[in-house]
Amino acid sequence: MVKVRGQGDDDAEWYTILAIQERSGRSGHWGHWHAVARSFNGNARANVKATRTDELQFRSVLYSTDAHHRHVKTDRISAPVTIRVVR
C-alpha cells in the first residue's frame, strides 16, 4: 500500500480543486494520468495498492474553477514523483 498526499492552494483564485494523479502503464511505457484523489479544501490523500513490482508515478494538479466547479482550468501541475516498488 502506498500512501500519497498533496497540498495546494492559490490565493489569487476563489475556488480550487486539488487532484492527485497516478500515471498508468510501466516504466518506459507510460500511459495516461488518472485521478486517485480529489479535494476541494487543498488537502488530498489516497491509499494506492501496488499491484506489481515496478515504478509508480504520481503528481498533483491544482485546478481553478468558478463557484459551482463547472468551468475548470489547470492552474498548476507538480513534477512527477517516482516510487520504486520492491517485494
C-alpha atoms as a PDB file:
ATOM      1  CA  MET A   1       0.000   0.000   0.000  1.00  0.00           C
ATOM      2  CA  VAL A   2       1.343   3.414  -0.965  1.00  0.00           C
ATOM      3  CA  LYS A   3       0.039   6.470   0.893  1.00  0.00           C
ATOM      4  CA  VAL A   4       0.110   9.651  -1.171  1.00  0.00           C
ATOM      5  CA  ARG A   5      -0.707  13.144  -0.006  1.00  0.00           C
ATOM      6  CA  GLY A   6      -0.887  16.506  -1.731  1.00  0.00           C
ATOM      7  CA  GLN A   7      -1.400  20.078  -0.599  1.00  0.00           C
ATOM      8  CA  GLY A   8      -2.080  23.113  -2.728  1.00  0.00           C
ATOM      9  CA  ASP A   9      -3.874  26.431  -2.804  1.00  0.00           C
ATOM     10  CA  ASP A  10      -3.863  29.673  -4.753  1.00  0.00           C
ATOM     11  CA  ASP A  11      -4.689  32.973  -3.054  1.00  0.00           C
ATOM     12  CA  ALA A  12      -5.475  34.539  -6.436  1.00  0.00           C
ATOM     13  CA  GLU A  13      -8.308  32.057  -7.141  1.00  0.00           C
ATOM     14  CA  TRP A  14     -11.613  31.874  -5.272  1.00  0.00           C
ATOM     15  CA  TYR A  15     -12.282  28.183  -5.824  1.00  0.00           C
ATOM     16  CA  THR A  16      -9.767  25.404  -6.409  1.00  0.00           C
ATOM     17  CA  ILE A  17      -9.710  21.618  -6.749  1.00  0.00           C
ATOM     18  CA  LEU A  18      -6.591  19.634  -5.908  1.00  0.00           C
ATOM     19  CA  ALA A  19      -6.184  16.256  -7.622  1.00  0.00           C
ATOM     20  CA  ILE A  20      -3.576  13.576  -7.047  1.00  0.00           C
ATOM     21  CA  GLN A  21      -2.974  11.653 -10.251  1.00  0.00           C
ATOM     22  CA  GLU A  22      -1.283   8.332 -10.929  1.00  0.00           C
ATOM     23  CA  ARG A  23       0.330   7.526 -14.253  1.00  0.00           C
ATOM     24  CA  SER A  24      -0.800   4.278 -15.848  1.00  0.00           C
ATOM     25  CA  GLY A  25       1.469   1.772 -17.533  1.00  0.00           C
ATOM     26  CA  ARG A  26       5.008   0.686 -16.713  1.00  0.00           C
ATOM     27  CA  SER A  27       8.317   2.490 -16.624  1.00  0.00           C
ATOM     28  CA  GLY A  28       9.443   3.093 -20.190  1.00  0.00           C
ATOM     29  CA  HIS A  29       5.877   2.594 -21.470  1.00  0.00           C
ATOM     30  CA  TRP A  30       3.910   5.191 -19.510  1.00  0.00           C
ATOM     31  CA  GLY A  31       0.302   5.930 -20.397  1.00  0.00           C
ATOM     32  CA  HIS A  32      -2.270   8.470 -19.269  1.00  0.00           C
ATOM     33  CA  TRP A  33      -2.687  10.167 -15.890  1.00  0.00           C
ATOM     34  CA  HIS A  34      -5.826   9.359 -13.881  1.00  0.00           C
ATOM     35  CA  ALA A  35      -7.054  10.844 -10.611  1.00  0.00           C
ATOM     36  CA  VAL A  36      -6.793   8.752  -7.451  1.00  0.00           C
ATOM     37  CA  ALA A  37      -7.965  11.529  -5.082  1.00  0.00           C
ATOM     38  CA  ARG A  38      -9.637  14.950  -5.259  1.00  0.00           C
ATOM     39  CA  SER A  39     -10.078  17.654  -2.661  1.00  0.00           C
ATOM     40  CA  PHE A  40     -11.910  20.963  -2.508  1.00  0.00           C
ATOM     41  CA  ASN A  41     -10.055  22.172   0.609  1.00  0.00           C
ATOM     42  CA  GLY A  42      -6.445  21.932  -0.629  1.00  0.00           C
ATOM     43  CA  ASN A  43      -5.530  18.670   1.128  1.00  0.00           C
ATOM     44  CA  ALA A  44      -5.818  15.380  -0.754  1.00  0.00           C
ATOM     45  CA  ARG A  45      -4.893  11.897   0.457  1.00  0.00           C
ATOM     46  CA  ALA A  46      -5.094   8.464  -1.115  1.00  0.00           C
ATOM     47  CA  ASN A  47      -4.062   4.887  -0.399  1.00  0.00           C
ATOM     48  CA  VAL A  48      -2.981   3.205  -3.613  1.00  0.00           C
ATOM     49  CA  LYS A  49      -2.451  -0.526  -3.789  1.00  0.00           C
ATOM     50  CA  ALA A  50       0.710  -1.513  -5.674  1.00  0.00           C
ATOM     51  CA  THR A  51      -0.263  -4.484  -7.820  1.00  0.00           C
ATOM     52  CA  ARG A  52       3.196  -5.258  -9.222  1.00  0.00           C
ATOM     53  CA  THR A  53       6.884  -4.653  -8.579  1.00  0.00           C
ATOM     54  CA  ASP A  54       7.917  -1.764 -10.791  1.00  0.00           C
ATOM     55  CA  GLU A  55       7.726   2.004 -10.604  1.00  0.00           C
ATOM     56  CA  LEU A  56       4.691   4.119  -9.770  1.00  0.00           C
ATOM     57  CA  GLN A  57       4.418   7.788 -10.687  1.00  0.00           C
ATOM     58  CA  PHE A  58       2.259  10.406  -9.012  1.00  0.00           C
ATOM     59  CA  ARG A  59       1.729  14.142  -9.440  1.00  0.00           C
ATOM     60  CA  SER A  60      -0.628  16.771  -8.101  1.00  0.00           C
ATOM     61  CA  VAL A  61      -2.688  19.132 -10.220  1.00  0.00           C
ATOM     62  CA  LEU A  62      -4.351  22.313  -8.955  1.00  0.00           C
ATOM     63  CA  TYR A  63      -7.429  23.379 -10.907  1.00  0.00           C
ATOM     64  CA  SER A  64      -9.154  26.748 -10.579  1.00  0.00           C
ATOM     65  CA  THR A  65     -12.926  26.822 -11.032  1.00  0.00           C
ATOM     66  CA  ASP A  66     -15.998  29.001 -10.692  1.00  0.00           C
ATOM     67  CA  ALA A  67     -18.298  28.855  -7.655  1.00  0.00           C
ATOM     68  CA  HIS A  68     -20.105  25.768  -8.992  1.00  0.00           C
ATOM     69  CA  HIS A  69     -16.939  23.927 -10.164  1.00  0.00           C
ATOM     70  CA  ARG A  70     -18.168  23.933 -13.771  1.00  0.00           C
ATOM     71  CA  HIS A  71     -15.533  25.911 -15.670  1.00  0.00           C
ATOM     72  CA  VAL A  72     -12.347  24.109 -14.711  1.00  0.00           C
ATOM     73  CA  LYS A  73      -8.921  25.253 -15.910  1.00  0.00           C
ATOM     74  CA  THR A  74      -5.497  23.916 -14.963  1.00  0.00           C
ATOM     75  CA  ASP A  75      -3.649  26.259 -12.620  1.00  0.00           C
ATOM     76  CA  ARG A  76      -0.501  24.292 -11.696  1.00  0.00           C
ATOM     77  CA  ILE A  77       0.991  20.830 -12.176  1.00  0.00           C
ATOM     78  CA  SER A  78       3.724  19.425  -9.954  1.00  0.00           C
ATOM     79  CA  ALA A  79       6.695  17.463 -11.181  1.00  0.00           C
ATOM     80  CA  PRO A  80       6.092  13.693 -11.128  1.00  0.00           C
ATOM     81  CA  VAL A  81       7.308  11.697  -8.140  1.00  0.00           C
ATOM     82  CA  THR A  82       8.530   8.164  -8.885  1.00  0.00           C
ATOM     83  CA  ILE A  83       8.250   5.397  -6.310  1.00  0.00           C
ATOM     84  CA  ARG A  84      10.045   2.087  -6.787  1.00  0.00           C
ATOM     85  CA  VAL A  85       8.016  -0.882  -5.561  1.00  0.00           C
ATOM     86  CA  VAL A  86      10.001  -3.938  -4.411  1.00  0.00           C
ATOM     87  CA  ARG A  87       8.841  -7.088  -2.646  1.00  0.00           C
END
